PDB file of N, CA and C in Angstrom:
ATOM      1  N   MET A   1    -301.969-136.061-150.341  1.00  0.00           N
ATOM      2  CA  MET A   1    -303.251-135.801-149.705  1.00  0.00           C
ATOM      3  C   MET A   1    -303.963-137.122-149.427  1.00  0.00           C
ATOM      4  N   VAL A   2    -304.607-137.175-148.303  1.00  0.00           N
ATOM      5  CA  VAL A   2    -305.346-138.375-147.916  1.00  0.00           C
ATOM      6  C   VAL A   2    -306.385-138.713-148.979  1.00  0.00           C
ATOM      7  N   SER A   3    -307.062-137.700-149.496  1.00  0.00           N
ATOM      8  CA  SER A   3    -308.120-137.959-150.475  1.00  0.00           C
ATOM      9  C   SER A   3    -307.579-138.625-151.740  1.00  0.00           C
ATOM     10  N   VAL A   4    -306.391-138.272-152.162  1.00  0.00           N
ATOM     11  CA  VAL A   4    -305.789-138.886-153.353  1.00  0.00           C
ATOM     12  C   VAL A   4    -305.552-140.371-153.107  1.00  0.00           C
ATOM     13  N   ILE A   5    -305.014-140.683-151.949  1.00  0.00           N
ATOM     14  CA  ILE A   5    -304.756-142.086-151.612  1.00  0.00           C
ATOM     15  C   ILE A   5    -306.067-142.855-151.548  1.00  0.00           C
ATOM     16  N   LEU A   6    -307.059-142.311-150.850  1.00  0.00           N
ATOM     17  CA  LEU A   6    -308.344-143.003-150.715  1.00  0.00           C
ATOM     18  C   LEU A   6    -309.053-143.145-152.053  1.00  0.00           C
ATOM     19  N   ASP A   7    -309.007-142.115-152.878  1.00  0.00           N
ATOM     20  CA  ASP A   7    -309.623-142.202-154.213  1.00  0.00           C
ATOM     21  C   ASP A   7    -308.991-143.331-155.019  1.00  0.00           C
ATOM     22  N   ASN A   8    -307.671-143.417-154.974  1.00  0.00           N
ATOM     23  CA  ASN A   8    -306.981-144.474-155.709  1.00  0.00           C
ATOM     24  C   ASN A   8    -307.344-145.853-155.174  1.00  0.00           C
ATOM     25  N   LEU A   9    -307.385-145.992-153.860  1.00  0.00           N
ATOM     26  CA  LEU A   9    -307.769-147.274-153.271  1.00  0.00           C
ATOM     27  C   LEU A   9    -309.204-147.643-153.638  1.00  0.00           C
ATOM     28  N   ALA A  10    -310.094-146.647-153.613  1.00  0.00           N
ATOM     29  CA  ALA A  10    -311.496-146.886-153.962  1.00  0.00           C
ATOM     30  C   ALA A  10    -311.651-147.334-155.407  1.00  0.00           C
ATOM     31  N   GLU A  11    -310.743-146.870-156.270  1.00  0.00           N
ATOM     32  CA  GLU A  11    -310.778-147.266-157.678  1.00  0.00           C
ATOM     33  C   GLU A  11    -310.128-148.623-157.914  1.00  0.00           C
ATOM     34  N   GLY A  12    -309.597-149.216-156.832  1.00  0.00           N
ATOM     35  CA  GLY A  12    -309.027-150.554-156.959  1.00  0.00           C
ATOM     36  C   GLY A  12    -307.520-150.604-157.095  1.00  0.00           C
ATOM     37  N   ALA A  13    -306.866-149.454-156.988  1.00  0.00           N
ATOM     38  CA  ALA A  13    -305.402-149.442-157.101  1.00  0.00           C
ATOM     39  C   ALA A  13    -304.776-150.099-155.874  1.00  0.00           C
ATOM     40  N   THR A  14    -303.671-150.760-156.081  1.00  0.00           N
ATOM     41  CA  THR A  14    -302.926-151.347-154.979  1.00  0.00           C
ATOM     42  C   THR A  14    -301.967-150.303-154.413  1.00  0.00           C
ATOM     43  N   ALA A  15    -301.447-150.583-153.232  1.00  0.00           N
ATOM     44  CA  ALA A  15    -300.461-149.671-152.637  1.00  0.00           C
ATOM     45  C   ALA A  15    -299.269-149.510-153.568  1.00  0.00           C
ATOM     46  N   GLU A  16    -298.843-150.594-154.189  1.00  0.00           N
ATOM     47  CA  GLU A  16    -297.700-150.532-155.108  1.00  0.00           C
ATOM     48  C   GLU A  16    -297.989-149.631-156.296  1.00  0.00           C
ATOM     49  N   GLU A  17    -299.201-149.704-156.825  1.00  0.00           N
ATOM     50  CA  GLU A  17    -299.573-148.857-157.960  1.00  0.00           C
ATOM     51  C   GLU A  17    -299.620-147.381-157.557  1.00  0.00           C
ATOM     52  N   ILE A  18    -300.112-147.120-156.365  1.00  0.00           N
ATOM     53  CA  ILE A  18    -300.169-145.733-155.888  1.00  0.00           C
ATOM     54  C   ILE A  18    -298.761-145.183-155.716  1.00  0.00           C
ATOM     55  N   ILE A  19    -297.888-145.972-155.116  1.00  0.00           N
ATOM     56  CA  ILE A  19    -296.504-145.538-154.923  1.00  0.00           C
ATOM     57  C   ILE A  19    -295.815-145.309-156.261  1.00  0.00           C
ATOM     58  N   LYS A  20    -296.131-146.145-157.242  1.00  0.00           N
ATOM     59  CA  LYS A  20    -295.539-145.963-158.573  1.00  0.00           C
ATOM     60  C   LYS A  20    -296.006-144.646-159.197  1.00  0.00           C
ATOM     61  N   SER A  21    -297.270-144.292-158.967  1.00  0.00           N
ATOM     62  CA  SER A  21    -297.804-143.039-159.507  1.00  0.00           C
ATOM     63  C   SER A  21    -297.354-141.823-158.708  1.00  0.00           C
ATOM     64  N   TYR A  22    -297.125-142.025-157.433  1.00  0.00           N
ATOM     65  CA  TYR A  22    -296.725-140.942-156.526  1.00  0.00           C
ATOM     66  C   TYR A  22    -295.496-141.402-155.750  1.00  0.00           C
ATOM     67  N   PRO A  23    -294.321-141.340-156.366  1.00  0.00           N
ATOM     68  CA  PRO A  23    -293.104-141.907-155.775  1.00  0.00           C
ATOM     69  C   PRO A  23    -292.708-141.339-154.413  1.00  0.00           C
ATOM     70  N   SER A  24    -293.214-140.174-154.063  1.00  0.00           N
ATOM     71  CA  SER A  24    -292.862-139.607-152.751  1.00  0.00           C
ATOM     72  C   SER A  24    -293.623-140.292-151.612  1.00  0.00           C
ATOM     73  N   LEU A  25    -294.643-141.074-151.961  1.00  0.00           N
ATOM     74  CA  LEU A  25    -295.407-141.789-150.933  1.00  0.00           C
ATOM     75  C   LEU A  25    -294.704-143.075-150.522  1.00  0.00           C
ATOM     76  N   THR A  26    -295.013-143.497-149.310  1.00  0.00           N
ATOM     77  CA  THR A  26    -294.503-144.773-148.793  1.00  0.00           C
ATOM     78  C   THR A  26    -295.685-145.631-148.378  1.00  0.00           C
ATOM     79  N   ARG A  27    -295.416-146.904-148.143  1.00  0.00           N
ATOM     80  CA  ARG A  27    -296.462-147.794-147.639  1.00  0.00           C
ATOM     81  C   ARG A  27    -296.980-147.274-146.295  1.00  0.00           C
ATOM     82  N   GLU A  28    -296.083-146.731-145.491  1.00  0.00           N
ATOM     83  CA  GLU A  28    -296.472-146.198-144.188  1.00  0.00           C
ATOM     84  C   GLU A  28    -297.419-145.013-144.344  1.00  0.00           C
ATOM     85  N   ALA A  29    -297.166-144.171-145.335  1.00  0.00           N
ATOM     86  CA  ALA A  29    -298.039-143.023-145.588  1.00  0.00           C
ATOM     87  C   ALA A  29    -299.423-143.487-146.026  1.00  0.00           C
ATOM     88  N   ILE A  30    -299.471-144.514-146.833  1.00  0.00           N
ATOM     89  CA  ILE A  30    -300.759-145.048-147.281  1.00  0.00           C
ATOM     90  C   ILE A  30    -301.511-145.635-146.093  1.00  0.00           C
ATOM     91  N   GLN A  31    -300.821-146.387-145.247  1.00  0.00           N
ATOM     92  CA  GLN A  31    -301.455-146.947-144.060  1.00  0.00           C
ATOM     93  C   GLN A  31    -301.930-145.841-143.125  1.00  0.00           C
ATOM     94  N   ALA A  32    -301.158-144.782-142.986  1.00  0.00           N
ATOM     95  CA  ALA A  32    -301.550-143.657-142.145  1.00  0.00           C
ATOM     96  C   ALA A  32    -302.818-142.990-142.685  1.00  0.00           C
ATOM     97  N   ALA A  33    -302.926-142.867-143.993  1.00  0.00           N
ATOM     98  CA  ALA A  33    -304.122-142.269-144.604  1.00  0.00           C
ATOM     99  C   ALA A  33    -305.348-143.131-144.339  1.00  0.00           C
ATOM    100  N   ILE A  34    -305.189-144.437-144.431  1.00  0.00           N
ATOM    101  CA  ILE A  34    -306.296-145.354-144.150  1.00  0.00           C
ATOM    102  C   ILE A  34    -306.704-145.241-142.683  1.00  0.00           C
ATOM    103  N   SER A  35    -305.736-145.199-141.801  1.00  0.00           N
ATOM    104  CA  SER A  35    -306.026-145.081-140.367  1.00  0.00           C
ATOM    105  C   SER A  35    -306.729-143.763-140.053  1.00  0.00           C
ATOM    106  N   TYR A  36    -306.272-142.701-140.683  1.00  0.00           N
ATOM    107  CA  TYR A  36    -306.881-141.389-140.492  1.00  0.00           C
ATOM    108  C   TYR A  36    -308.339-141.404-140.953  1.00  0.00           C
ATOM    109  N   ALA A  37    -308.590-141.978-142.106  1.00  0.00           N
ATOM    110  CA  ALA A  37    -309.952-142.055-142.635  1.00  0.00           C
ATOM    111  C   ALA A  37    -310.834-142.898-141.723  1.00  0.00           C
ATOM    112  N   ALA A  38    -310.291-143.970-141.182  1.00  0.00           N
ATOM    113  CA  ALA A  38    -311.054-144.812-140.262  1.00  0.00           C
ATOM    114  C   ALA A  38    -311.448-144.029-139.016  1.00  0.00           C
ATOM    115  N   GLN A  39    -310.521-143.244-138.492  1.00  0.00           N
ATOM    116  CA  GLN A  39    -310.831-142.420-137.315  1.00  0.00           C
ATOM    117  C   GLN A  39    -311.937-141.414-137.628  1.00  0.00           C
ATOM    118  N   LEU A  40    -311.889-140.815-138.801  1.00  0.00           N
ATOM    119  CA  LEU A  40    -312.909-139.837-139.179  1.00  0.00           C
ATOM    120  C   LEU A  40    -314.288-140.466-139.321  1.00  0.00           C
ATOM    121  N   SER A  41    -314.332-141.742-139.624  1.00  0.00           N
ATOM    122  CA  SER A  41    -315.614-142.401-139.861  1.00  0.00           C
ATOM    123  C   SER A  41    -316.292-142.850-138.574  1.00  0.00           C
ATOM    124  N   HIS A  42    -315.592-142.783-137.453  1.00  0.00           N
ATOM    125  CA  HIS A  42    -316.192-143.183-136.180  1.00  0.00           C
ATOM    126  C   HIS A  42    -317.239-142.161-135.756  1.00  0.00           C
ATOM    127  N   GLU A  43    -318.373-142.693-135.307  1.00  0.00           N
ATOM    128  CA  GLU A  43    -319.421-141.801-134.829  1.00  0.00           C
ATOM    129  C   GLU A  43    -319.116-141.390-133.398  1.00  0.00           C
ATOM    130  N   ARG A  44    -319.287-140.140-133.131  1.00  0.00           N
ATOM    131  CA  ARG A  44    -319.101-139.623-131.772  1.00  0.00           C
ATOM    132  C   ARG A  44    -320.310-138.777-131.414  1.00  0.00           C
ATOM    133  N   VAL A  45    -320.755-138.924-130.197  1.00  0.00           N
ATOM    134  CA  VAL A  45    -321.876-138.122-129.714  1.00  0.00           C
ATOM    135  C   VAL A  45    -321.302-137.080-128.759  1.00  0.00           C
ATOM    136  N   LEU A  46    -321.572-135.833-129.071  1.00  0.00           N
ATOM    137  CA  LEU A  46    -321.116-134.738-128.237  1.00  0.00           C
ATOM    138  C   LEU A  46    -322.306-134.093-127.562  1.00  0.00           C
ATOM    139  N   THR A  47    -322.179-133.850-126.292  1.00  0.00           N
ATOM    140  CA  THR A  47    -323.215-133.145-125.558  1.00  0.00           C
ATOM    141  C   THR A  47    -322.833-131.682-125.494  1.00  0.00           C
ATOM    142  N   LEU A  48    -323.689-130.844-126.014  1.00  0.00           N
ATOM    143  CA  LEU A  48    -323.427-129.408-126.031  1.00  0.00           C
ATOM    144  C   LEU A  48    -324.188-128.740-124.905  1.00  0.00           C
ATOM    145  N   PRO A  49    -323.592-127.758-124.281  1.00  0.00           N
ATOM    146  CA  PRO A  49    -324.305-127.045-123.223  1.00  0.00           C
ATOM    147  C   PRO A  49    -325.532-126.322-123.787  1.00  0.00           C
ATOM    148  N   ALA A  50    -326.559-126.270-122.985  1.00  0.00           N
ATOM    149  CA  ALA A  50    -327.826-125.639-123.434  1.00  0.00           C
ATOM    150  C   ALA A  50    -327.703-124.135-123.529  1.00  0.00           C
TER     151      ALA A  50
END
């Protein structure tokens, strides 16, 4: 889950430490989670019909 990766990173864990705790993860998966979180944090303005 993205939240697990982000929580671990927020606590100061390195990618290597996360992979050691969750062996099914890869560096690519961790990078993908970071990229996904970055996209979610972008502000977007939507115009809704009246």
